[in-house]
Amino acid sequence: MNGFLLSTLIWLPIVGGIAVMLVGGHRPAMARGVALLVTMVTFLWSLPLFFSFDTTTAVMQFVESRPWVETFNIRYYLGVDGFSAPLILLTSFFGPLVVIAGWRSITKNVNQYMAAFLVMEGLMIGVFSTLDGLLFYIFFEAMLIPMFLVIGIWGGPRRVYATLKFFLYTFLGSVFMLIGLIYLYIQSGSWNILDWHTMPLSLVAQKWLFLGFLAAFSVKIPMFPVHTWLPDAHVEAPTGGSVILAAIMLKIGGYGFIRFSLPITPDASAVLDWLVIALSLIAVVYIGFVALAQQDMKKLIAYSSISHMGFVTLGLFVAFSIYRNTGGVAGAALGVEGAMVQMISHGFISGALFLTVGVLYDRVHSRMIKDYGGVANTMPWFALFAVFFLMANSGLPGTSGFVGEFMVILSSFQANFWFAFLAALTLILGAAYSLWLAKRVIFGAVANRQVENLQDINSREALVLGILAVAILFFGLWPQPLVEMLQVSVDHLLQHIVQSKVM
């Protein structure tokens, strides 16, 4: 099975999406059933990435390599390490949850909606598993198409504006990455990403490549100041679109820095680390204040995502300051591991928060905070889950939201006290906007007659929210399985960081 595991994970959802399309719009129940079956099989098929993963080696595992376009030395080359395997598992984990979440709320063109998510799942797994530069770019760009359709067809009143903004921002940023990939191919004669990791480059070339990668991956995370597309996309997207966007697609930016920027351009990364650290801290602090001012629940969670994802880039790039200060990489390893833990944790928490907003929106058809209040009086089980997810979002110890941020803050102390101080402000800001949202929506007097008549969550909604609550608790109380997957790959990445590649 290992010989074609990754190909199956990529192409099973894509073929399943085509099958769902062929079911036809007049049979929505069958479309939902087929989509759920495909996503569940995909998730089960991904489990060997955890249970059969060798945590003692940084060598790529589950490798598949076949010629594709031999004239240009392009190969169908797949493999995973400690960075990509957890992200693939996260992607397959959310597949069934998104299908279940849209079981009743999506009534228009159900087969097309489910097909779009299935195709998107396969393409995102392709991004995390490919080791060929051009194949990476193809998957990276192709996954924009189904998300473009999801927002544009099933989105809110301003869906066209949000869709175009999302597409233009992400597409234009990745053009610069493509130029960098072509340059690397011309210099090396290979599209193999692992070959690029060991290829010597001048500092000038590294700087230009770094800026090209930064343009692509900073938009995807998104980092300040290219973050403005995300709140619009989240507000207009249907619940499933918001969940996948926050839980999976934002992580591709962080993964891109790990796979491309740090190992291919380590000298430029060391020279320009101040830029990424500054933008990360602005995101953590300034965007946290912006979240406090929001009146739309989805916008508040979207800005919260931007703030929390600032920890990812901060954890990755404080490594260079730590190495300059101490001459060692122990603290740097803690930061990189913290960044990865934060990506996985944020996937669970942000996905759960958007699903809770979706539960309310399905009943009241409003995302505005002022239209709620006293929800706990009529939906006690929903309130229990919502408050738990908001506490996790604020970094409550015992939840996964605390672990990654704590690791990054500890690492930042070894780089610069003020880095850690500013990063730690998120514990205050996160608690402020999370608890204030809970106070205005969940607690207090019942706001209006609609809230008085709300029905508590049904078994389908309880299943989805319960699974996510268990995941958040599990990684909050016992993050060791995830950290063990990461450790050797992190050490291998740090070897690239500390070794100059200047010719």
Protein backbone atom coordinates (compact mmCIF):
# COMPACT_ATOMS: atom_id res chain seq x y z
CA MET A 1 0.00 0.00 0.00
CA ASN A 2 2.85 2.42 0.84
CA GLY A 3 3.94 2.48 -2.79
CA PHE A 4 0.86 4.35 -3.93
CA LEU A 5 -0.56 5.74 -0.68
CA LEU A 6 0.04 9.40 -1.53
CA SER A 7 -1.30 9.08 -5.08
CA THR A 8 -4.45 7.49 -3.70
CA LEU A 9 -4.87 10.31 -1.19
CA ILE A 10 -4.59 12.87 -4.00
CA TRP A 11 -6.65 11.25 -6.71
CA LEU A 12 -9.35 9.46 -4.72
CA PRO A 13 -11.06 12.73 -3.70
CA ILE A 14 -10.61 14.19 -7.19
CA VAL A 15 -12.11 11.14 -8.90
CA GLY A 16 -14.77 11.08 -6.20
CA GLY A 17 -15.58 14.70 -6.99
CA ILE A 18 -16.07 13.82 -10.65
CA ALA A 19 -18.33 10.94 -9.60
CA VAL A 20 -20.40 13.26 -7.40
CA MET A 21 -20.78 15.66 -10.33
CA LEU A 22 -22.09 12.81 -12.48
CA VAL A 23 -24.71 11.98 -9.86
CA GLY A 24 -26.54 15.11 -10.97
CA GLY A 25 -28.24 17.95 -9.14
CA HIS A 26 -31.59 16.15 -8.98
CA ARG A 27 -30.23 13.55 -6.51
CA PRO A 28 -28.78 15.60 -3.61
CA ALA A 29 -29.05 12.77 -1.07
CA MET A 30 -26.88 10.52 -3.22
CA ALA A 31 -24.39 13.35 -3.79
CA ARG A 32 -24.05 13.85 -0.04
CA GLY A 33 -23.71 10.12 0.59
CA VAL A 34 -21.02 9.61 -2.04
CA ALA A 35 -19.10 12.66 -0.84
CA LEU A 36 -19.18 11.46 2.77
CA LEU A 37 -18.07 7.97 1.77
CA VAL A 38 -15.15 9.30 -0.30
CA THR A 39 -13.95 11.65 2.44
CA MET A 40 -14.17 8.94 5.11
CA VAL A 41 -12.23 6.47 2.96
CA THR A 42 -9.63 9.17 2.26
CA PHE A 43 -9.23 9.85 5.98
CA LEU A 44 -8.86 6.15 6.79
CA TRP A 45 -6.36 5.77 3.94
CA SER A 46 -4.28 8.61 5.41
CA LEU A 47 -3.86 6.98 8.83
CA PRO A 48 -0.68 5.05 7.84
CA LEU A 49 0.98 8.47 7.59
CA PHE A 50 0.77 8.46 11.38
CA PHE A 51 0.91 4.82 12.38
CA SER A 52 3.61 3.76 9.87
CA PHE A 53 5.61 6.99 9.98
CA ASP A 54 9.27 6.54 10.98
CA THR A 55 10.04 9.30 13.50
CA THR A 56 13.76 8.48 13.57
CA THR A 57 14.67 9.74 10.09
CA ALA A 58 14.36 12.98 8.12
CA VAL A 59 14.41 11.08 4.83
CA MET A 60 11.27 11.45 2.74
CA GLN A 61 8.85 8.56 3.28
CA PHE A 62 6.09 6.95 1.18
CA VAL A 63 8.02 8.15 -1.87
CA GLU A 64 6.65 7.83 -5.41
CA SER A 65 8.71 8.98 -8.37
CA ARG A 66 7.84 8.56 -12.04
CA PRO A 67 8.80 10.47 -15.20
CA TRP A 68 6.19 12.97 -16.32
CA VAL A 69 7.60 15.46 -18.87
CA GLU A 70 11.06 14.07 -19.51
CA THR A 71 12.06 16.84 -21.94
CA PHE A 72 12.12 19.31 -19.05
CA ASN A 73 13.05 16.77 -16.36
CA ILE A 74 9.64 17.15 -14.68
CA ARG A 75 8.68 14.20 -12.51
CA TYR A 76 5.60 13.01 -10.69
CA TYR A 77 7.51 13.00 -7.41
CA LEU A 78 5.75 12.60 -4.06
CA GLY A 79 6.95 12.09 -0.50
CA VAL A 80 6.35 13.26 3.06
CA ASP A 81 8.37 14.14 6.13
CA GLY A 82 7.52 15.34 9.62
CA PHE A 83 6.25 18.66 8.29
CA SER A 84 3.95 17.47 5.54
CA ALA A 85 2.48 14.28 7.09
CA PRO A 86 0.60 16.09 9.92
CA LEU A 87 -0.82 18.63 7.46
CA ILE A 88 -2.08 15.87 5.15
CA LEU A 89 -3.71 14.18 8.14
CA LEU A 90 -5.32 17.49 9.11
CA THR A 91 -6.66 17.91 5.57
CA SER A 92 -8.17 14.44 5.40
CA PHE A 93 -9.56 14.83 8.94
CA PHE A 94 -11.61 17.87 7.94
CA GLY A 95 -13.00 16.28 4.77
CA PRO A 96 -15.87 14.32 6.40
CA LEU A 97 -16.57 17.16 8.85
CA VAL A 98 -17.13 19.68 6.08
CA VAL A 99 -19.46 17.30 4.25
CA ILE A 100 -21.48 16.64 7.42
CA ALA A 101 -21.58 20.34 8.28
CA GLY A 102 -23.16 21.18 4.90
CA TRP A 103 -25.59 18.26 5.00
CA ARG A 104 -28.72 20.41 5.41
CA SER A 105 -27.51 23.98 4.97
CA ILE A 106 -26.56 23.54 1.29
CA THR A 107 -29.67 23.02 -0.84
CA LYS A 108 -28.62 24.56 -4.16
CA ASN A 109 -26.50 22.51 -6.59
CA VAL A 110 -25.53 20.08 -3.84
CA ASN A 111 -23.57 17.81 -6.17
CA GLN A 112 -21.44 20.70 -7.43
CA TYR A 113 -20.79 21.95 -3.90
CA MET A 114 -19.65 18.54 -2.68
CA ALA A 115 -17.60 17.97 -5.83
CA ALA A 116 -15.77 21.27 -5.35
CA PHE A 117 -14.71 20.30 -1.83
CA LEU A 118 -13.61 16.83 -2.87
CA VAL A 119 -11.45 18.19 -5.69
CA MET A 120 -10.05 20.85 -3.36
CA GLU A 121 -9.13 18.21 -0.78
CA GLY A 122 -7.17 16.21 -3.34
CA LEU A 123 -5.34 19.29 -4.61
CA MET A 124 -4.40 20.45 -1.09
CA ILE A 125 -3.00 17.01 -0.27
CA GLY A 126 -1.05 17.30 -3.53
CA VAL A 127 0.48 20.59 -2.35
CA PHE A 128 1.68 19.00 0.90
CA SER A 129 3.04 15.82 -0.70
CA THR A 130 4.74 16.87 -3.94
CA LEU A 131 8.53 17.15 -4.15
CA ASP A 132 8.66 18.48 -7.72
CA GLY A 133 8.68 22.27 -7.98
CA LEU A 134 6.48 22.59 -11.04
CA LEU A 135 4.00 20.02 -9.76
CA PHE A 136 3.85 21.97 -6.51
CA TYR A 137 2.99 25.13 -8.42
CA ILE A 138 0.27 23.36 -10.40
CA PHE A 139 -1.39 22.04 -7.25
CA PHE A 140 -0.85 25.38 -5.51
CA GLU A 141 -2.70 27.28 -8.22
CA ALA A 142 -5.30 24.67 -9.11
CA MET A 143 -6.75 24.57 -5.60
CA LEU A 144 -7.80 28.22 -6.01
CA ILE A 145 -10.37 27.22 -8.64
CA PRO A 146 -12.72 25.13 -6.46
CA MET A 147 -12.52 27.68 -3.62
CA PHE A 148 -13.24 30.45 -6.15
CA LEU A 149 -16.38 28.55 -7.17
CA VAL A 150 -17.45 27.78 -3.58
CA ILE A 151 -17.34 31.44 -2.55
CA GLY A 152 -18.65 32.75 -5.87
CA ILE A 153 -21.67 30.40 -6.13
CA TRP A 154 -22.68 29.63 -2.54
CA GLY A 155 -21.39 32.80 -0.88
CA GLY A 156 -23.14 35.85 0.53
CA PRO A 157 -24.41 39.06 -1.10
CA ARG A 158 -20.89 40.44 -1.83
CA ARG A 159 -19.52 37.09 -2.99
CA VAL A 160 -18.34 38.34 -6.39
CA TYR A 161 -16.22 41.08 -4.82
CA ALA A 162 -14.81 38.70 -2.20
CA THR A 163 -14.09 36.00 -4.76
CA LEU A 164 -12.24 38.28 -7.15
CA LYS A 165 -10.22 39.81 -4.32
CA PHE A 166 -9.30 36.37 -2.99
CA PHE A 167 -8.28 35.11 -6.42
CA LEU A 168 -6.31 38.19 -7.49
CA TYR A 169 -4.35 38.48 -4.24
CA THR A 170 -3.36 34.82 -4.15
CA PHE A 171 -2.76 34.46 -7.89
CA LEU A 172 -0.63 37.59 -8.28
CA GLY A 173 1.51 36.66 -5.29
CA SER A 174 2.23 33.21 -6.69
CA VAL A 175 3.40 34.64 -10.04
CA PHE A 176 6.57 35.82 -8.31
CA MET A 177 7.05 32.34 -6.88
CA LEU A 178 6.77 30.85 -10.36
CA ILE A 179 9.55 33.14 -11.60
CA GLY A 180 11.71 31.93 -8.71
CA LEU A 181 10.97 28.28 -9.46
CA ILE A 182 11.90 28.75 -13.11
CA TYR A 183 15.17 30.43 -12.08
CA LEU A 184 16.01 27.50 -9.80
CA TYR A 185 15.28 25.05 -12.63
CA ILE A 186 17.54 26.97 -15.04
CA GLN A 187 20.37 27.02 -12.49
CA SER A 188 20.09 23.38 -11.47
CA GLY A 189 18.53 21.62 -14.48
CA SER A 190 16.11 19.96 -12.06
CA TRP A 191 12.65 20.61 -10.63
CA ASN A 192 13.48 18.47 -7.59
CA ILE A 193 12.83 20.57 -4.48
CA LEU A 194 15.30 18.49 -2.44
CA ASP A 195 18.05 19.25 -4.98
CA TRP A 196 17.33 22.94 -4.54
CA HIS A 197 17.87 22.57 -0.78
CA THR A 198 21.56 21.82 -1.35
CA MET A 199 22.21 24.07 -4.36
CA PRO A 200 24.66 26.97 -3.76
CA LEU A 201 23.33 30.43 -4.62
CA SER A 202 24.71 33.95 -4.41
CA LEU A 203 23.31 36.22 -1.71
CA VAL A 204 21.74 38.49 -4.32
CA ALA A 205 19.99 35.56 -5.97
CA GLN A 206 18.83 34.31 -2.58
CA LYS A 207 17.37 37.70 -1.71
CA TRP A 208 15.34 37.88 -4.91
CA LEU A 209 14.16 34.30 -4.47
CA PHE A 210 13.26 34.98 -0.84
CA LEU A 211 11.18 38.02 -1.82
CA GLY A 212 9.43 35.99 -4.53
CA PHE A 213 8.56 33.24 -2.04
CA LEU A 214 7.54 35.87 0.52
CA ALA A 215 5.11 37.42 -1.99
CA ALA A 216 3.40 34.06 -2.53
CA PHE A 217 3.36 32.66 0.98
CA SER A 218 2.68 35.87 2.92
CA VAL A 219 -0.57 36.31 0.98
CA LYS A 220 -1.58 32.73 1.66
CA ILE A 221 -1.05 32.86 5.46
CA PRO A 222 -1.97 35.87 5.24
CA MET A 223 0.53 38.30 6.77
CA PHE A 224 0.13 42.01 7.36
CA PRO A 225 -0.34 44.08 5.14
CA VAL A 226 -1.63 41.63 2.48
CA HIS A 227 -4.27 40.20 4.80
CA THR A 228 -7.31 42.22 3.75
CA TRP A 229 -8.69 39.58 1.38
CA LEU A 230 -9.23 37.07 4.20
CA PRO A 231 -12.00 38.80 6.23
CA ASP A 232 -13.97 39.47 3.02
CA ALA A 233 -13.56 35.88 1.86
CA HIS A 234 -14.61 34.47 5.23
CA VAL A 235 -17.65 36.72 5.56
CA GLU A 236 -19.01 35.81 2.13
CA ALA A 237 -18.01 32.14 2.05
CA PRO A 238 -20.44 29.43 3.15
CA THR A 239 -19.56 27.70 6.41
CA GLY A 240 -17.68 24.85 4.72
CA GLY A 241 -15.63 27.30 2.68
CA SER A 242 -14.65 29.26 5.78
CA VAL A 243 -13.69 26.07 7.59
CA ILE A 244 -11.39 24.82 4.82
CA LEU A 245 -9.96 28.27 4.23
CA ALA A 246 -9.02 28.75 7.89
CA ALA A 247 -8.18 25.18 8.85
CA ILE A 248 -6.15 24.11 5.79
CA MET A 249 -5.48 26.73 3.11
CA LEU A 250 -3.81 29.25 5.42
CA LYS A 251 -1.36 26.54 6.50
CA ILE A 252 -0.01 26.27 2.96
CA GLY A 253 1.70 29.62 3.46
CA GLY A 254 3.54 28.41 6.56
CA TYR A 255 4.38 25.13 4.85
CA GLY A 256 5.79 27.07 1.89
CA PHE A 257 8.23 28.93 4.14
CA ILE A 258 9.36 25.61 5.64
CA ARG A 259 9.74 23.80 2.32
CA PHE A 260 11.15 26.65 0.20
CA SER A 261 12.27 29.86 1.92
CA LEU A 262 14.24 28.51 4.87
CA PRO A 263 16.18 25.64 3.24
CA ILE A 264 16.66 27.17 -0.24
CA THR A 265 17.52 30.75 0.80
CA PRO A 266 18.95 30.46 4.34
CA ASP A 267 21.38 33.38 3.99
CA ALA A 268 18.72 35.74 2.65
CA SER A 269 16.33 34.51 5.36
CA ALA A 270 18.95 35.38 7.98
CA VAL A 271 19.48 38.84 6.48
CA LEU A 272 15.78 39.62 6.11
CA ASP A 273 14.47 37.85 9.20
CA TRP A 274 13.80 41.25 10.82
CA LEU A 275 11.21 41.99 8.14
CA VAL A 276 9.22 38.81 8.72
CA ILE A 277 9.50 39.12 12.51
CA ALA A 278 8.26 42.72 12.39
CA LEU A 279 5.30 41.82 10.16
CA SER A 280 4.52 38.84 12.41
CA LEU A 281 4.46 40.96 15.57
CA ILE A 282 2.29 43.58 13.86
CA ALA A 283 -0.13 40.82 12.97
CA VAL A 284 -0.14 39.45 16.52
CA VAL A 285 -0.72 42.81 18.23
CA TYR A 286 -2.34 45.22 15.77
CA ILE A 287 -4.69 42.68 14.18
CA GLY A 288 -5.65 41.54 17.68
CA PHE A 289 -6.90 45.07 18.38
CA VAL A 290 -8.69 45.10 15.03
CA ALA A 291 -10.50 41.89 16.05
CA LEU A 292 -11.77 43.66 19.17
CA ALA A 293 -13.58 46.24 17.05
CA GLN A 294 -15.56 43.81 14.88
CA GLN A 295 -19.34 43.55 14.95
CA ASP A 296 -19.53 40.57 12.59
CA MET A 297 -18.71 37.20 14.20
CA LYS A 298 -17.02 35.84 11.08
CA LYS A 299 -14.87 38.95 10.70
CA LEU A 300 -13.80 38.72 14.33
CA ILE A 301 -12.72 35.09 13.89
CA ALA A 302 -11.02 35.95 10.58
CA TYR A 303 -8.92 38.69 12.18
CA SER A 304 -8.23 36.35 15.08
CA SER A 305 -6.85 33.84 12.56
CA ILE A 306 -4.49 36.44 11.11
CA SER A 307 -3.24 37.28 14.60
CA HIS A 308 -2.70 33.65 15.59
CA MET A 309 -0.99 32.77 12.31
CA GLY A 310 1.54 35.50 13.11
CA PHE A 311 2.95 33.03 15.64
CA VAL A 312 3.76 30.64 12.82
CA THR A 313 6.05 33.03 10.94
CA LEU A 314 7.46 34.38 14.21
CA GLY A 315 8.40 30.88 15.38
CA LEU A 316 10.04 30.07 12.06
CA PHE A 317 12.16 33.20 11.73
CA VAL A 318 13.29 33.85 15.32
CA ALA A 319 15.52 30.83 14.68
CA PHE A 320 18.05 33.09 12.97
CA SER A 321 18.20 35.56 15.87
CA ILE A 322 18.60 32.70 18.34
CA TYR A 323 21.47 31.23 16.33
CA ARG A 324 23.19 34.62 16.15
CA ASN A 325 22.78 35.15 19.91
CA THR A 326 23.67 31.69 21.19
CA GLY A 327 25.48 29.91 18.38
CA GLY A 328 23.14 26.95 18.95
CA VAL A 329 19.83 25.74 17.58
CA ALA A 330 18.10 24.27 20.64
CA GLY A 331 15.87 27.31 21.13
CA ALA A 332 15.39 27.58 17.39
CA ALA A 333 14.09 24.02 17.28
CA LEU A 334 11.52 24.91 19.94
CA GLY A 335 10.32 27.83 17.80
CA VAL A 336 9.96 25.79 14.61
CA GLU A 337 8.20 22.99 16.46
CA GLY A 338 5.94 25.57 18.09
CA ALA A 339 5.10 27.04 14.69
CA MET A 340 4.03 23.64 13.38
CA VAL A 341 2.02 22.84 16.51
CA GLN A 342 0.36 26.24 16.18
CA MET A 343 -0.62 25.46 12.57
CA ILE A 344 -2.26 22.18 13.53
CA SER A 345 -3.93 23.66 16.60
CA HIS A 346 -5.21 26.68 14.73
CA GLY A 347 -6.70 24.34 12.15
CA PHE A 348 -8.83 22.63 14.79
CA ILE A 349 -9.82 25.78 16.69
CA SER A 350 -10.57 28.08 13.75
CA GLY A 351 -12.49 25.32 11.98
CA ALA A 352 -14.55 24.74 15.13
CA LEU A 353 -15.27 28.45 15.57
CA PHE A 354 -16.50 28.88 12.01
CA LEU A 355 -18.69 25.81 12.41
CA THR A 356 -20.27 27.29 15.56
CA VAL A 357 -21.00 30.51 13.68
CA GLY A 358 -22.51 28.37 10.93
CA VAL A 359 -24.83 26.69 13.45
CA LEU A 360 -26.18 30.08 14.53
CA TYR A 361 -26.39 31.43 11.00
CA ASP A 362 -28.43 28.42 9.85
CA ARG A 363 -31.03 29.32 12.50
CA VAL A 364 -31.04 33.14 12.60
CA HIS A 365 -29.48 34.03 9.21
CA SER A 366 -27.35 36.74 10.75
CA ARG A 367 -23.67 36.97 11.63
CA MET A 368 -23.99 40.27 13.50
CA ILE A 369 -23.17 40.12 17.20
CA LYS A 370 -25.93 42.60 18.10
CA ASP A 371 -28.59 40.16 16.88
CA TYR A 372 -27.71 37.65 19.59
CA GLY A 373 -27.47 37.46 23.35
CA GLY A 374 -28.56 34.88 25.89
CA VAL A 375 -28.04 31.95 23.51
CA ALA A 376 -27.05 29.79 26.49
CA ASN A 377 -30.62 30.05 27.78
CA THR A 378 -32.06 28.26 24.76
CA MET A 379 -29.05 26.32 23.39
CA PRO A 380 -27.10 25.07 26.45
CA TRP A 381 -25.20 22.30 24.63
CA PHE A 382 -24.23 24.67 21.84
CA ALA A 383 -23.11 27.23 24.43
CA LEU A 384 -20.90 24.62 26.09
CA PHE A 385 -19.04 23.91 22.85
CA ALA A 386 -18.87 27.57 21.78
CA VAL A 387 -17.39 28.76 25.09
CA PHE A 388 -14.87 25.90 25.08
CA PHE A 389 -13.70 26.78 21.55
CA LEU A 390 -13.46 30.48 22.44
CA MET A 391 -11.40 29.65 25.53
CA ALA A 392 -9.11 27.50 23.39
CA ASN A 393 -8.82 30.41 20.96
CA SER A 394 -7.63 32.62 23.81
CA GLY A 395 -4.86 30.14 24.68
CA LEU A 396 -6.33 28.41 27.73
CA PRO A 397 -3.81 25.92 29.21
CA GLY A 398 -4.99 22.37 28.64
CA THR A 399 -6.13 23.15 25.11
CA SER A 400 -4.09 22.97 21.92
CA GLY A 401 -4.33 26.76 21.57
CA PHE A 402 -1.90 27.16 24.47
CA VAL A 403 0.81 24.71 23.42
CA GLY A 404 2.07 26.20 20.15
CA GLU A 405 1.91 29.80 21.35
CA PHE A 406 3.73 28.94 24.57
CA MET A 407 6.51 27.18 22.64
CA VAL A 408 6.95 30.16 20.29
CA ILE A 409 6.98 32.66 23.18
CA LEU A 410 9.63 30.61 25.03
CA SER A 411 11.71 30.45 21.87
CA SER A 412 11.31 34.20 21.28
CA PHE A 413 12.75 34.94 24.73
CA GLN A 414 16.06 33.51 23.54
CA ALA A 415 16.03 35.80 20.53
CA ASN A 416 14.87 39.07 22.08
CA PHE A 417 12.89 39.92 25.20
CA TRP A 418 10.66 42.37 23.31
CA PHE A 419 9.76 39.75 20.71
CA ALA A 420 8.45 37.55 23.50
CA PHE A 421 6.76 40.45 25.29
CA LEU A 422 4.83 41.57 22.22
CA ALA A 423 3.96 38.00 21.27
CA ALA A 424 2.68 37.34 24.80
CA LEU A 425 0.20 40.21 24.42
CA THR A 426 -1.90 37.84 22.35
CA LEU A 427 -2.77 36.02 25.58
CA ILE A 428 -4.45 39.24 26.74
CA LEU A 429 -5.89 40.32 23.40
CA GLY A 430 -7.07 36.81 22.52
CA ALA A 431 -8.85 36.51 25.84
CA ALA A 432 -10.34 39.98 25.38
CA TYR A 433 -11.99 39.47 22.01
CA SER A 434 -12.85 35.80 22.63
CA LEU A 435 -14.49 36.36 26.02
CA TRP A 436 -16.18 39.57 24.88
CA LEU A 437 -17.70 37.65 21.98
CA ALA A 438 -18.90 34.97 24.41
CA LYS A 439 -20.39 37.59 26.73
CA ARG A 440 -22.34 39.34 23.95
CA VAL A 441 -23.55 36.23 22.10
CA ILE A 442 -23.76 33.39 24.61
CA PHE A 443 -24.56 35.01 27.94
CA GLY A 444 -26.78 37.79 29.23
CA ALA A 445 -30.46 38.37 28.62
CA VAL A 446 -32.16 36.90 25.57
CA ALA A 447 -31.84 39.54 22.85
CA ASN A 448 -34.91 38.94 20.72
CA ARG A 449 -37.75 36.59 19.94
CA GLN A 450 -35.70 34.67 17.38
CA VAL A 451 -33.17 33.72 20.05
CA GLU A 452 -35.99 32.70 22.39
CA ASN A 453 -37.15 30.14 19.85
CA LEU A 454 -33.78 28.65 18.94
CA GLN A 455 -33.42 24.87 18.91
CA ASP A 456 -30.29 23.37 20.45
CA ILE A 457 -27.80 21.48 18.29
CA ASN A 458 -28.92 18.23 16.75
CA SER A 459 -26.98 14.96 16.77
CA ARG A 460 -25.21 15.74 13.47
CA GLU A 461 -23.95 19.11 14.73
CA ALA A 462 -23.02 17.64 18.12
CA LEU A 463 -20.96 14.93 16.40
CA VAL A 464 -18.92 17.44 14.39
CA LEU A 465 -18.34 19.84 17.30
CA GLY A 466 -17.65 16.97 19.69
CA ILE A 467 -14.95 15.49 17.45
CA LEU A 468 -13.21 18.86 17.23
CA ALA A 469 -13.47 19.40 21.00
CA VAL A 470 -11.81 16.03 21.61
CA ALA A 471 -9.01 16.87 19.16
CA ILE A 472 -8.37 20.25 20.82
CA LEU A 473 -8.25 18.64 24.26
CA PHE A 474 -6.10 15.74 23.10
CA PHE A 475 -3.34 17.91 21.60
CA GLY A 476 -3.63 20.36 24.48
CA LEU A 477 -3.03 17.68 27.09
CA TRP A 478 -0.71 15.37 25.10
CA PRO A 479 1.06 17.08 22.16
CA GLN A 480 3.90 14.54 22.29
CA PRO A 481 2.78 12.40 19.29
CA LEU A 482 2.82 15.47 17.07
CA VAL A 483 6.12 16.77 18.45
CA GLU A 484 7.74 13.35 17.93
CA MET A 485 6.75 13.42 14.25
CA LEU A 486 8.36 16.83 13.91
CA GLN A 487 11.62 16.57 15.84
CA VAL A 488 13.94 14.88 13.35
CA SER A 489 12.61 16.90 10.41
CA VAL A 490 13.04 20.11 12.43
CA ASP A 491 16.65 19.20 13.23
CA HIS A 492 17.27 18.50 9.55
CA LEU A 493 15.77 21.87 8.56
CA LEU A 494 17.96 23.67 11.10
CA GLN A 495 21.04 22.11 9.54
CA HIS A 496 20.12 23.94 6.32
CA ILE A 497 19.51 27.18 8.23
CA VAL A 498 22.92 27.30 9.93
CA GLN A 499 24.90 26.31 6.82
CA SER A 500 25.65 29.13 4.36
CA LYS A 501 24.90 28.44 0.69
CA VAL A 502 26.59 31.54 -0.70
CA MET A 503 28.80 30.59 -3.62
